[in-house]
Amino acid sequence: TSFRDHKSKTVSESDEKGDKCELSFFPDEDEEDYMFFQKTLNAVQSWFTLFGWSKGQNPISIPYSLRSDVCIVQLTVAQEKNFKRRVDKDKGFYEMLVHLNGQSIPGIAASQSLSTDPVERMLQLHWQHTELLSFLKRKGAYLPHIMPEFLLSPEDYELWTEVNTGVRVGSPGKLSGRRIFVLESRTFETMSKRAWTDVLLQMYKVFVLPRVSSRIVPDPSSLECLQNIPGIKSEPLCSNIYSRYERTILIWLNKNYEKNRKIVWKDNERGGIPPMRWIVNFDQDLLDGLVLAAQMAGYCPYLIPTHFVKMYTNPITHEQFMHNALIIVKALHTINMDLDIKVGDFIVAPLLYICINIFILIFVQ
């Protein structure tokens, strides 16, 4: 549940030329990995917009709205003179964290005011982000590449570098023993986008994934329909790729697919009954839509004659894959499961979110 470390770029430390450190950036549009990262960002953005808040949907934009939603008082210009007060106190970042986690970070109120002094405000925000990262790490998040300053707004980041390099008149100079990176404006934006996306991914990992209970899904070895499929265990130490919660979802997907495939497509005229398959990931194995269809059919069998029987059970062309994806999207709309899923999401976007949402909506909520 984190961005894949496809590649890192190198930035020189401002006070030690030539000393390098590997940092994780959001890729540029002309880079090979851009589409994967952007689709992942869109999926994260969509989920937190729909389900991250206690009082209905609230659109977020990574990283822009998150950087401005961490406090009540926020500078609006770099000149450090004009201020504005947030109107909606129920839509801040820390309200979202409290909603997902059930508790606030010690010392940080969900709604709070910050100093109107620009340097004091920046230092308070930096401390706040430090506490956020420490809190998430204690909960099990993996964020070794994220520094608190990467979560600041561009104006506050500039202030932070000025204070730490001694450029700002009256500043105390370097505030910690850590390396100081001075990033250009455009480079900082790519870093900030990556940092906030990874923070949200890890929040999903530590706050949402644990809602998936293995007690709900029977042991696959006890299911007759899965006797011929290699086992997937849900024990914590049996995989270094997936968490036990993700493995529980995989067990559930395998169970329902094998149990329902002969029922759903027994009258199918576009390929017949699909063959048995071993589902071990959340992208390639779900690409044709059949696995998701089998899940929904198990709980909403009335969707079989109206939707799922019309699917291609051995899709080959792009059009056939799109046809199946469209049927899944229409089926979700029919049962009022508003996941903001688009047909194109099946091609690139991680489908783990869809699986977990369906699972939680059926068993938890």
Foldseek 3Di string as FASTA:
>chain_A
DADDCPDWDWFAFPVDGPDIDTADFQDDPPDPCNVLSVLQLVLLQLCCQAPLADPGGDHDDPPVQQQVQQAQWDDDDLVLDDIDGDDDLRPGPQNSLCVLAVDGQPPGDSYHHFDSRLLRRLVVQLVVLVSLVVVLVVLPFDDPNDHSLLQHDLSSNVVVLCLQCVVDPPRPHRDDPDGHGDDDPVRSSRNSRSNVSRSSVSSCVRRPLVLQDLVVPDQLCPDPLCVPPDGQDLDQPPDPPDGSSLSSLQSLLLVQLSVCQCPLQCVAPQAGRADRDRDDFQAPVCLQVSSVVSNVCVVVVVLRVVARSDARRDDDDPVNSLNNLVSSVVVCVVVPVPSVDDSVCNHRHGCSVVSSSVSCVVPPD
